[in-house]
């Protein structure tokens, strides 16, 4: 197995950065395009399967600012695993709203790297 290329690393870093930016800016079509067709999001003990289900869920969530730490990446051919810490600030008052870990399964497609699965582990959450 060959080492990932610099382009692979750049594409994955951009994908992870675009995840938060597209949500923060309500760019729903751009967010939708980050995921594979058969994707899964696991958060709050629930699974959302497919782009449409994830889109419906995301449009109902609190708006704010996502900040994601540098990911730890492991590659296996056309697949990669990413683990990164995150914090999320609510836009209404810029108060820290949640923090935790993203655990991602990524797949290289003909359109570049995409999210196949994201598990969001919430480790801190403001319930007010």
Protein backbone atom coordinates (compact mmCIF):
# COMPACT_ATOMS: atom_id res chain seq x y z
CA UNK A 1 0.00 0.00 0.00
CA UNK A 2 1.37 3.40 -0.96
CA UNK A 3 1.47 6.42 1.32
CA UNK A 4 -1.23 9.05 0.87
CA UNK A 5 -0.34 11.86 -1.49
CA UNK A 6 -0.15 15.51 -0.56
CA UNK A 7 -3.31 15.97 -2.65
CA UNK A 8 -5.12 13.32 -0.56
CA UNK A 9 -4.17 15.17 2.62
CA UNK A 10 -5.24 18.53 1.17
CA UNK A 11 -8.59 17.17 -0.02
CA UNK A 12 -9.36 15.61 3.36
CA UNK A 13 -8.36 18.73 5.28
CA UNK A 14 -10.61 20.79 2.99
CA UNK A 15 -13.47 18.31 3.40
CA UNK A 16 -13.25 18.49 7.19
CA UNK A 17 -13.04 22.29 7.13
CA UNK A 18 -15.93 22.52 4.66
CA UNK A 19 -18.13 20.41 6.95
CA UNK A 20 -18.26 23.14 9.59
CA UNK A 21 -18.21 26.07 7.16
CA UNK A 22 -21.12 24.79 5.08
CA UNK A 23 -23.23 24.29 8.21
CA UNK A 24 -22.23 27.64 9.73
CA UNK A 25 -23.12 29.46 6.50
CA UNK A 26 -26.26 27.38 5.78
CA UNK A 27 -24.86 26.29 2.40
CA UNK A 28 -27.02 23.18 2.33
CA UNK A 29 -26.26 22.00 -1.22
CA UNK A 30 -22.53 22.30 -0.58
CA UNK A 31 -22.90 20.38 2.69
CA UNK A 32 -24.97 17.70 0.97
CA UNK A 33 -22.13 17.21 -1.57
CA UNK A 34 -19.60 16.34 1.17
CA UNK A 35 -21.28 12.97 1.79
CA UNK A 36 -21.39 9.69 -0.14
CA UNK A 37 -24.78 8.47 -1.39
CA UNK A 38 -25.02 5.74 1.27
CA UNK A 39 -23.66 7.83 4.15
CA UNK A 40 -24.47 7.66 7.84
CA UNK A 41 -24.40 10.22 10.63
CA UNK A 42 -24.51 8.91 14.21
CA UNK A 43 -25.20 11.52 16.90
CA UNK A 44 -27.23 11.73 20.12
CA UNK A 45 -27.66 7.94 20.03
CA UNK A 46 -29.42 8.07 16.66
CA UNK A 47 -28.38 7.11 13.14
CA UNK A 48 -29.33 9.11 10.08
CA UNK A 49 -28.86 7.14 6.85
CA UNK A 50 -28.49 8.83 3.47
CA UNK A 51 -27.98 12.42 2.41
CA UNK A 52 -31.65 13.41 2.65
CA UNK A 53 -31.99 12.19 6.26
CA UNK A 54 -28.78 13.98 7.25
CA UNK A 55 -29.91 17.13 5.44
CA UNK A 56 -33.28 17.13 7.25
CA UNK A 57 -31.55 16.70 10.61
CA UNK A 58 -28.89 19.36 9.99
CA UNK A 59 -31.38 22.02 8.91
CA UNK A 60 -33.04 21.74 12.36
CA UNK A 61 -29.88 22.06 14.44
CA UNK A 62 -28.62 25.11 16.33
CA UNK A 63 -26.68 27.58 14.16
CA UNK A 64 -23.24 28.70 15.19
CA UNK A 65 -19.52 28.35 14.56
CA UNK A 66 -17.73 25.00 14.28
CA UNK A 67 -14.01 24.80 15.04
CA UNK A 68 -12.27 21.51 14.29
CA UNK A 69 -8.80 20.52 15.50
CA UNK A 70 -6.13 19.00 13.27
CA UNK A 71 -7.26 15.44 12.51
CA UNK A 72 -5.42 12.21 13.17
CA UNK A 73 -5.60 10.31 9.85
CA UNK A 74 -5.08 6.65 8.99
CA UNK A 75 -5.22 5.48 5.37
CA UNK A 76 -6.10 2.14 3.84
CA UNK A 77 -6.07 2.50 0.05
CA UNK A 78 -9.19 4.42 -1.03
CA UNK A 79 -10.46 4.62 2.53
CA UNK A 80 -9.35 6.72 5.48
CA UNK A 81 -10.25 7.13 9.13
CA UNK A 82 -10.15 10.56 10.76
CA UNK A 83 -10.45 11.45 14.44
CA UNK A 84 -10.61 15.11 15.43
CA UNK A 85 -11.74 17.17 18.40
CA UNK A 86 -14.24 19.97 17.89
CA UNK A 87 -15.90 22.86 19.69
CA UNK A 88 -19.12 24.56 18.66
CA UNK A 89 -20.18 28.07 19.63
CA UNK A 90 -23.85 29.01 19.41
CA UNK A 91 -24.41 32.01 17.11
CA UNK A 92 -27.05 33.75 19.25
CA UNK A 93 -24.55 34.61 22.00
CA UNK A 94 -21.21 33.07 20.92
CA UNK A 95 -21.38 30.87 24.02
CA UNK A 96 -19.64 27.50 24.00
CA UNK A 97 -22.48 25.11 23.21
CA UNK A 98 -20.78 21.76 22.73
CA UNK A 99 -17.45 20.01 22.38
CA UNK A 100 -16.39 16.50 21.56
CA UNK A 101 -14.88 14.21 18.95
CA UNK A 102 -15.64 13.52 15.30
CA UNK A 103 -14.88 9.94 14.21
CA UNK A 104 -15.05 9.77 10.43
CA UNK A 105 -14.88 7.10 7.77
CA UNK A 106 -13.85 8.68 4.47
CA UNK A 107 -13.90 7.25 0.95
CA UNK A 108 -12.07 8.37 -2.17
CA UNK A 109 -14.61 8.72 -5.00
CA UNK A 110 -14.37 9.91 -8.59
CA UNK A 111 -15.33 13.37 -7.21
CA UNK A 112 -12.66 13.27 -4.49
CA UNK A 113 -12.80 12.32 -0.81
CA UNK A 114 -16.25 12.14 0.82
CA UNK A 115 -17.70 11.40 4.24
CA UNK A 116 -19.11 7.87 4.35
CA UNK A 117 -19.82 7.92 8.08
CA UNK A 118 -19.47 10.46 10.86
CA UNK A 119 -19.94 9.66 14.51
CA UNK A 120 -20.20 12.72 16.73
CA UNK A 121 -19.31 12.03 20.36
CA UNK A 122 -20.59 14.92 22.44
CA UNK A 123 -18.42 15.24 25.56
CA UNK A 124 -19.67 18.64 26.75
CA UNK A 125 -23.03 20.26 26.03
CA UNK A 126 -24.78 23.35 27.35
CA UNK A 127 -28.35 22.31 28.11
CA UNK A 128 -29.60 25.86 28.75
